[in-house]
Amino acid sequence: MKRFNKLFLTIAISSAFLVSCSNDDNDNQAPRGDYDGGLFIVNEGNFLTPNGSISYLSDDLQIENNVFTLVNPGKVTGDTPLSVSFNGDIAYIVVNGSNKIEVVNRYTFKSITTITTNIKNPRYIAFANGKGYITNWGDIAIKTDDYVAVLDLASNAVTSTIPVVEGPEKIVENNGKLYVAHKGGGGQGNSLSIINAANNTVTSNFVVGDVPSSLVKENGTLYVLCNGRPSYAAPETTGKIVKVNLSTNAVTSTLDFPGLTHPDFLDIDNSKIYYTIGNSIYSMATNATALPTAETFKAKEVGSLYGFAAKNGKLYVADAVNYQDNGNIYLYSLTGTVLNKFGVSILPNGFYFNN
């Protein structure tokens, strides 16, 4: 599960999460076959159970669940898929618990290959210089074995690994450089690493804030949302939004949340920042110098907000419900009107737009 670090996850997971459940809505249906446009939703499934899946929402708002298995009979997405990333005509599904990357055609979702060699607790992938860069936590009990795997996109083989500090999580590319947020893995991270894709070396690692979880680049700035250290990992700290100049790689501003507030997700659309605290949605201009004092609206229909995105004037919210049964996704207007609701599978965690 993506929101917990490794140590807390092994302690906090309850037997209810180990129940094997599946979404059978599409088991007897033929796959759509055309996935141009629209968006994919990653459903983690139950932890330690290979029932994670991918859903697809088309531009005409038709939902299809369990896409990977429908298109590729006999194959399963696996245990705890975390993310989908696109490069050219290819989509890469990072499956954390199964220690693999499923490679598919992004428009047909037909399987191309499965990558398992030199993959250990993979998290996210970005692309630069003709290669893929996959963040890996390594062994959950070892703090010094975390790395970024370098993937040859022609052969789909991991050709080398780049050692990094503990807990590499989100990763984004800009101008031949990879920016890696160190959320913490088995601990609580607070830094950002920069990797030069020309020679695959870490050129810098600097503090941004405790538990950096969201990275969004916009107009030469990298926006980093830091959750802050949680109450179970004393000393508890508050969250913050940090701006990094992508030309100088310097922190240009920091907005601290009041008290011991822990924001969850951040995205940017049309020069506005949208972020979440619990089920509340907040918004502000990208050039704002202070955080808003009031929420934009509360997603009161949502049981547990577990994923979030802003795109083309709409807000997308993933609802984990009770963390055990099938979840939902909601489409909201910018002012909080529910536009649509769709049933998906267990633990929907994020939205990946196929355009």
Protein backbone atom coordinates (compact mmCIF):
# COMPACT_ATOMS: atom_id res chain seq x y z
CA MET A 1 0.00 0.00 0.00
CA LYS A 2 1.47 3.21 -1.15
CA ARG A 3 0.61 5.57 1.71
CA PHE A 4 2.54 3.76 4.43
CA ASN A 5 6.27 3.30 4.75
CA LYS A 6 7.62 -0.24 4.88
CA LEU A 7 8.08 -0.55 8.61
CA PHE A 8 4.66 0.78 9.57
CA LEU A 9 2.97 -1.28 6.88
CA THR A 10 4.22 -4.57 8.28
CA ILE A 11 3.02 -3.55 11.76
CA ALA A 12 -0.29 -1.92 10.87
CA ILE A 13 -1.69 -4.35 8.31
CA SER A 14 -4.57 -6.33 9.80
CA SER A 15 -5.99 -9.70 8.91
CA ALA A 16 -8.90 -8.00 7.19
CA PHE A 17 -6.53 -6.72 4.54
CA LEU A 18 -5.44 -10.25 3.71
CA VAL A 19 -8.90 -11.31 2.59
CA SER A 20 -8.84 -12.19 -1.09
CA CYS A 21 -11.48 -10.22 -2.96
CA SER A 22 -11.97 -9.52 -6.63
CA ASN A 23 -14.14 -7.44 -8.88
CA ASP A 24 -16.05 -9.83 -11.11
CA ASP A 25 -18.04 -7.20 -13.01
CA ASN A 26 -16.12 -7.77 -16.24
CA ASP A 27 -15.05 -11.41 -15.90
CA ASN A 28 -17.33 -12.58 -18.71
CA GLN A 29 -16.99 -9.54 -20.94
CA ALA A 30 -14.77 -9.07 -23.95
CA PRO A 31 -12.08 -6.39 -23.59
CA ARG A 32 -12.69 -3.02 -25.15
CA GLY A 33 -9.53 -3.37 -27.27
CA ASP A 34 -9.02 0.33 -27.89
CA TYR A 35 -7.61 2.37 -25.02
CA ASP A 36 -6.62 5.52 -26.87
CA GLY A 37 -7.35 8.54 -24.68
CA GLY A 38 -9.18 8.16 -21.41
CA LEU A 39 -7.37 7.19 -18.24
CA PHE A 40 -6.23 4.16 -16.30
CA ILE A 41 -6.90 3.64 -12.60
CA VAL A 42 -4.51 1.50 -10.56
CA ASN A 43 -6.18 -0.73 -7.98
CA GLU A 44 -3.71 -2.10 -5.44
CA GLY A 45 -5.85 -5.02 -4.27
CA ASN A 46 -5.32 -6.66 -0.88
CA PHE A 47 -1.76 -6.54 0.45
CA LEU A 48 0.11 -9.86 0.00
CA THR A 49 -2.61 -11.05 -2.39
CA PRO A 50 -2.15 -11.04 -6.20
CA ASN A 51 -5.52 -9.41 -6.90
CA GLY A 52 -4.37 -5.94 -7.91
CA SER A 53 -5.83 -4.73 -11.17
CA ILE A 54 -6.13 -1.90 -13.70
CA SER A 55 -9.39 -0.15 -14.60
CA TYR A 56 -9.97 2.04 -17.66
CA LEU A 57 -12.29 5.03 -17.97
CA SER A 58 -12.87 6.11 -21.56
CA ASP A 59 -13.37 9.66 -22.76
CA ASP A 60 -17.07 8.87 -23.17
CA LEU A 61 -17.14 7.80 -19.49
CA GLN A 62 -17.41 4.04 -19.91
CA ILE A 63 -15.67 2.06 -17.18
CA GLU A 64 -13.92 -1.27 -17.76
CA ASN A 65 -12.37 -3.13 -14.85
CA ASN A 66 -9.62 -5.76 -14.77
CA VAL A 67 -8.27 -4.61 -18.12
CA PHE A 68 -4.90 -6.40 -17.98
CA THR A 69 -6.42 -9.85 -17.45
CA LEU A 70 -9.27 -9.26 -19.90
CA VAL A 71 -6.80 -8.45 -22.66
CA ASN A 72 -4.25 -11.07 -21.57
CA PRO A 73 -6.17 -14.18 -20.43
CA GLY A 74 -4.29 -16.27 -17.90
CA LYS A 75 -2.17 -13.34 -16.70
CA VAL A 76 -2.80 -11.29 -13.56
CA THR A 77 -1.61 -7.79 -12.72
CA GLY A 78 -0.26 -9.08 -9.40
CA ASP A 79 0.26 -8.02 -5.80
CA THR A 80 0.01 -4.26 -5.14
CA PRO A 81 0.43 -2.45 -8.45
CA LEU A 82 1.43 1.12 -7.60
CA SER A 83 1.72 3.11 -10.80
CA VAL A 84 1.50 3.27 -14.59
CA SER A 85 3.89 5.33 -16.71
CA PHE A 86 3.95 5.90 -20.47
CA ASN A 87 6.80 6.15 -22.95
CA GLY A 88 5.92 6.29 -26.63
CA ASP A 89 3.42 3.53 -27.41
CA ILE A 90 4.34 1.56 -24.30
CA ALA A 91 2.87 1.52 -20.79
CA TYR A 92 4.82 0.24 -17.79
CA ILE A 93 2.84 -1.12 -14.83
CA VAL A 94 4.95 -1.11 -11.66
CA VAL A 95 3.82 -3.97 -9.38
CA ASN A 96 5.37 -3.52 -5.97
CA GLY A 97 4.44 -6.71 -4.11
CA SER A 98 5.12 -9.00 -7.07
CA ASN A 99 8.52 -7.37 -7.73
CA LYS A 100 7.89 -6.90 -11.42
CA ILE A 101 7.14 -4.46 -14.24
CA GLU A 102 4.42 -5.45 -16.70
CA VAL A 103 5.11 -3.94 -20.11
CA VAL A 104 2.10 -3.50 -22.40
CA ASN A 105 1.01 -1.57 -25.48
CA ARG A 106 -0.71 1.53 -24.09
CA TYR A 107 -3.46 1.48 -26.74
CA THR A 108 -4.33 -2.24 -26.79
CA PHE A 109 -2.98 -3.26 -23.36
CA LYS A 110 -1.58 -6.42 -24.90
CA SER A 111 1.34 -7.81 -22.95
CA ILE A 112 4.83 -7.29 -24.38
CA THR A 113 6.98 -8.69 -21.57
CA THR A 114 7.37 -8.96 -17.81
CA ILE A 115 10.52 -7.59 -16.14
CA THR A 116 11.59 -9.24 -12.88
CA THR A 117 15.39 -9.32 -12.88
CA ASN A 118 17.02 -6.73 -10.58
CA ILE A 119 13.61 -5.48 -9.42
CA LYS A 120 13.01 -5.38 -5.64
CA ASN A 121 10.05 -3.51 -4.13
CA PRO A 122 9.65 -1.23 -7.17
CA ARG A 123 7.69 2.01 -6.80
CA TYR A 124 7.65 4.35 -9.83
CA ILE A 125 9.34 4.80 -13.20
CA ALA A 126 10.39 7.79 -15.33
CA PHE A 127 12.23 8.03 -18.66
CA ALA A 128 15.30 9.89 -19.91
CA ASN A 129 18.06 9.44 -22.46
CA GLY A 130 16.42 6.35 -23.97
CA LYS A 131 16.22 4.54 -20.63
CA GLY A 132 13.73 3.88 -17.87
CA TYR A 133 14.56 4.70 -14.25
CA ILE A 134 12.73 2.62 -11.63
CA THR A 135 12.77 3.50 -7.94
CA ASN A 136 13.25 0.45 -5.70
CA TRP A 137 13.11 0.14 -1.92
CA GLY A 138 15.07 -3.12 -1.90
CA ASP A 139 14.85 -5.32 1.21
CA ILE A 140 12.42 -3.76 3.69
CA ALA A 141 14.71 -4.62 6.61
CA ILE A 142 17.81 -2.97 5.14
CA LYS A 143 18.16 0.81 4.99
CA THR A 144 21.21 0.92 2.72
CA ASP A 145 20.17 -1.22 -0.26
CA ASP A 146 17.70 1.16 -1.96
CA TYR A 147 18.40 1.96 -5.61
CA VAL A 148 17.19 3.22 -8.96
CA ALA A 149 17.24 0.50 -11.62
CA VAL A 150 18.28 1.57 -15.12
CA LEU A 151 16.14 -0.11 -17.77
CA ASP A 152 17.25 -0.52 -21.40
CA LEU A 153 14.02 0.26 -23.25
CA ALA A 154 15.08 -1.66 -26.36
CA SER A 155 15.84 -4.95 -24.60
CA ASN A 156 13.63 -4.45 -21.53
CA ALA A 157 16.58 -5.51 -19.37
CA VAL A 158 17.87 -3.76 -16.27
CA THR A 159 21.46 -2.96 -17.21
CA SER A 160 22.64 -1.25 -14.02
CA THR A 161 21.53 0.12 -10.67
CA ILE A 162 22.19 3.46 -9.00
CA PRO A 163 22.47 3.36 -5.17
CA VAL A 164 20.44 6.09 -3.47
CA VAL A 165 19.44 6.98 0.09
CA GLU A 166 16.54 5.15 1.67
CA GLY A 167 13.00 5.31 0.37
CA PRO A 168 13.11 6.46 -3.27
CA GLU A 169 9.51 7.06 -4.29
CA LYS A 170 8.12 9.44 -6.92
CA ILE A 171 10.47 10.25 -9.80
CA VAL A 172 10.15 12.85 -12.58
CA GLU A 173 12.37 13.80 -15.52
CA ASN A 174 13.38 17.29 -16.58
CA ASN A 175 15.95 18.18 -19.22
CA GLY A 176 17.91 14.95 -18.88
CA LYS A 177 17.82 14.89 -15.10
CA LEU A 178 15.82 12.64 -12.78
CA TYR A 179 14.38 14.08 -9.58
CA VAL A 180 13.73 11.44 -6.91
CA ALA A 181 11.70 12.06 -3.74
CA HIS A 182 12.92 10.04 -0.75
CA LYS A 183 9.75 9.34 1.18
CA GLY A 184 11.56 7.04 3.54
CA GLY A 185 10.92 3.35 2.91
CA GLY A 186 11.45 1.72 6.30
CA GLY A 187 11.99 5.12 7.90
CA GLN A 188 10.95 8.71 7.27
CA GLY A 189 12.83 10.47 4.47
CA ASN A 190 13.17 14.19 3.86
CA SER A 191 15.27 14.70 0.74
CA LEU A 192 15.35 15.00 -3.03
CA SER A 193 18.04 13.39 -5.19
CA ILE A 194 19.07 14.45 -8.69
CA ILE A 195 20.41 11.88 -11.14
CA ASN A 196 22.21 12.86 -14.33
CA ALA A 197 20.85 10.55 -17.05
CA ALA A 198 23.93 11.13 -19.21
CA ASN A 199 26.15 9.15 -16.83
CA ASN A 200 23.68 7.68 -14.32
CA THR A 201 25.26 9.33 -11.30
CA VAL A 202 23.65 11.07 -8.34
CA THR A 203 24.79 14.68 -8.58
CA SER A 204 22.93 16.06 -5.59
CA ASN A 205 20.81 15.17 -2.57
CA PHE A 206 19.27 17.91 -0.46
CA VAL A 207 16.59 18.32 2.20
CA VAL A 208 13.14 19.53 1.12
CA GLY A 209 10.88 18.45 3.99
CA ASP A 210 9.74 15.38 5.89
CA VAL A 211 8.15 12.59 3.84
CA PRO A 212 8.05 14.10 0.32
CA SER A 213 5.29 12.25 -1.53
CA SER A 214 4.09 14.28 -4.54
CA LEU A 215 6.25 15.72 -7.33
CA VAL A 216 4.71 17.92 -10.03
CA LYS A 217 6.69 20.05 -12.49
CA GLU A 218 5.17 23.18 -13.98
CA ASN A 219 6.79 26.07 -15.89
CA GLY A 220 10.33 25.48 -14.67
CA THR A 221 9.39 24.74 -11.08
CA LEU A 222 9.16 21.44 -9.25
CA TYR A 223 6.41 21.40 -6.62
CA VAL A 224 7.07 18.99 -3.76
CA LEU A 225 4.33 18.09 -1.30
CA CYS A 226 5.76 16.81 1.98
CA ASN A 227 3.36 14.91 4.25
CA GLY A 228 5.37 15.54 7.42
CA ARG A 229 6.38 12.86 9.92
CA PRO A 230 3.29 11.00 11.21
CA SER A 231 2.34 10.71 14.86
CA TYR A 232 3.57 7.12 15.06
CA ALA A 233 7.09 8.17 14.03
CA ALA A 234 8.00 10.79 16.62
CA PRO A 235 8.93 13.54 16.47
CA GLU A 236 5.77 14.33 14.52
CA THR A 237 6.17 17.21 12.07
CA THR A 238 3.83 19.24 9.91
CA GLY A 239 3.56 19.05 6.14
CA LYS A 240 4.77 21.64 3.64
CA ILE A 241 4.80 22.59 -0.02
CA VAL A 242 8.29 23.23 -1.36
CA LYS A 243 9.15 24.87 -4.68
CA VAL A 244 12.42 23.95 -6.42
CA ASN A 245 13.80 25.95 -9.35
CA LEU A 246 14.58 23.39 -12.07
CA SER A 247 17.28 25.59 -13.61
CA THR A 248 19.29 26.10 -10.44
CA ASN A 249 18.00 23.13 -8.40
CA ALA A 250 17.59 25.50 -5.45
CA VAL A 251 14.65 25.65 -3.07
CA THR A 252 12.93 28.97 -3.79
CA SER A 253 10.09 28.90 -1.27
CA THR A 254 8.48 26.77 1.43
CA LEU A 255 4.90 26.95 2.68
CA ASP A 256 4.43 25.26 6.06
CA PHE A 257 1.05 23.90 7.07
CA PRO A 258 -0.26 25.06 10.45
CA GLY A 259 0.07 22.93 13.57
CA LEU A 260 0.70 19.29 12.78
CA THR A 261 -1.25 19.08 9.53
CA HIS A 262 -0.56 16.20 7.15
CA PRO A 263 -1.56 16.91 3.53
CA ASP A 264 -1.91 13.84 1.33
CA PHE A 265 -1.89 14.62 -2.40
CA LEU A 266 -1.04 17.51 -4.74
CA ASP A 267 -1.65 18.18 -8.42
CA ILE A 268 -1.64 21.20 -10.73
CA ASP A 269 -4.10 22.14 -13.45
CA ASN A 270 -4.38 25.44 -15.35
CA SER A 271 -1.85 27.21 -13.09
CA LYS A 272 -3.69 26.25 -9.92
CA ILE A 273 -2.47 23.95 -7.18
CA TYR A 274 -4.97 21.47 -5.76
CA TYR A 275 -4.15 19.49 -2.65
CA THR A 276 -5.96 17.32 -0.13
CA ILE A 277 -6.08 17.04 3.65
CA GLY A 278 -8.23 14.09 4.63
CA ASN A 279 -11.36 14.42 2.49
CA SER A 280 -11.00 18.17 2.09
CA ILE A 281 -9.87 19.73 -1.21
CA TYR A 282 -7.93 23.02 -1.22
CA SER A 283 -6.83 25.21 -4.12
CA MET A 284 -4.55 28.17 -4.71
CA ALA A 285 -2.59 29.84 -7.50
CA THR A 286 0.85 28.42 -8.27
CA ASN A 287 2.38 31.80 -7.40
CA ALA A 288 0.57 32.09 -4.05
CA THR A 289 2.77 33.06 -1.12
CA ALA A 290 0.43 31.75 1.58
CA LEU A 291 -1.76 28.69 2.01
CA PRO A 292 -5.54 29.13 1.82
CA THR A 293 -7.31 29.45 5.16
CA ALA A 294 -10.41 27.50 4.10
CA GLU A 295 -11.09 24.39 2.05
CA THR A 296 -12.58 24.70 -1.43
CA PHE A 297 -14.94 21.83 -0.64
CA LYS A 298 -15.16 18.57 1.26
CA ALA A 299 -15.55 15.31 -0.66
CA LYS A 300 -18.24 14.13 1.76
CA GLU A 301 -19.28 11.24 -0.46
CA VAL A 302 -15.85 9.64 -0.09
CA GLY A 303 -15.16 7.11 2.65
CA SER A 304 -11.36 7.32 2.48
CA LEU A 305 -9.57 9.51 -0.05
CA TYR A 306 -6.74 7.34 -1.41
CA GLY A 307 -5.85 8.92 -4.75
CA PHE A 308 -6.23 12.31 -6.42
CA ALA A 309 -5.68 14.13 -9.72
CA ALA A 310 -6.62 17.43 -11.37
CA LYS A 311 -7.05 17.50 -15.13
CA ASN A 312 -8.81 19.77 -17.64
CA GLY A 313 -11.01 21.48 -15.09
CA LYS A 314 -12.07 18.34 -13.25
CA LEU A 315 -10.93 16.72 -10.02
CA TYR A 316 -10.55 12.96 -9.77
CA VAL A 317 -10.82 11.27 -6.38
CA ALA A 318 -10.19 7.63 -5.54
CA ASP A 319 -12.14 6.20 -2.61
CA ALA A 320 -10.70 3.19 -0.77
CA VAL A 321 -14.02 2.81 1.10
CA ASN A 322 -13.08 0.31 3.85
CA TYR A 323 -9.68 -0.77 2.44
CA GLN A 324 -11.02 -4.28 1.89
CA ASP A 325 -13.91 -4.21 -0.58
CA ASN A 326 -14.14 -2.71 -4.04
CA GLY A 327 -13.58 1.04 -4.18
CA ASN A 328 -15.01 3.92 -6.19
CA ILE A 329 -13.80 6.88 -8.18
CA TYR A 330 -15.51 10.25 -8.23
CA LEU A 331 -15.30 13.06 -10.77
CA TYR A 332 -15.90 16.48 -9.24
CA SER A 333 -16.27 19.94 -10.64
CA LEU A 334 -13.80 22.49 -9.31
CA THR A 335 -16.43 23.68 -6.86
CA GLY A 336 -17.31 20.25 -5.48
CA THR A 337 -20.27 19.07 -7.53
CA VAL A 338 -20.22 15.31 -8.14
CA LEU A 339 -20.20 14.82 -11.89
CA ASN A 340 -19.81 11.04 -12.00
CA LYS A 341 -19.18 8.03 -9.80
CA PHE A 342 -17.76 4.67 -10.96
CA GLY A 343 -17.19 1.38 -9.19
CA VAL A 344 -13.68 0.00 -9.59
CA SER A 345 -11.70 -2.60 -7.67
CA ILE A 346 -9.90 -2.83 -4.34
CA LEU A 347 -7.84 0.18 -3.19
CA PRO A 348 -7.87 2.51 -6.21
CA ASN A 349 -4.77 4.67 -5.74
CA GLY A 350 -4.21 6.91 -8.75
CA PHE A 351 -5.14 8.18 -12.20
CA TYR A 352 -2.96 7.91 -15.33
CA PHE A 353 -4.18 9.83 -18.36
CA ASN A 354 -3.53 8.10 -21.70
CA ASN A 355 -3.05 11.16 -23.89
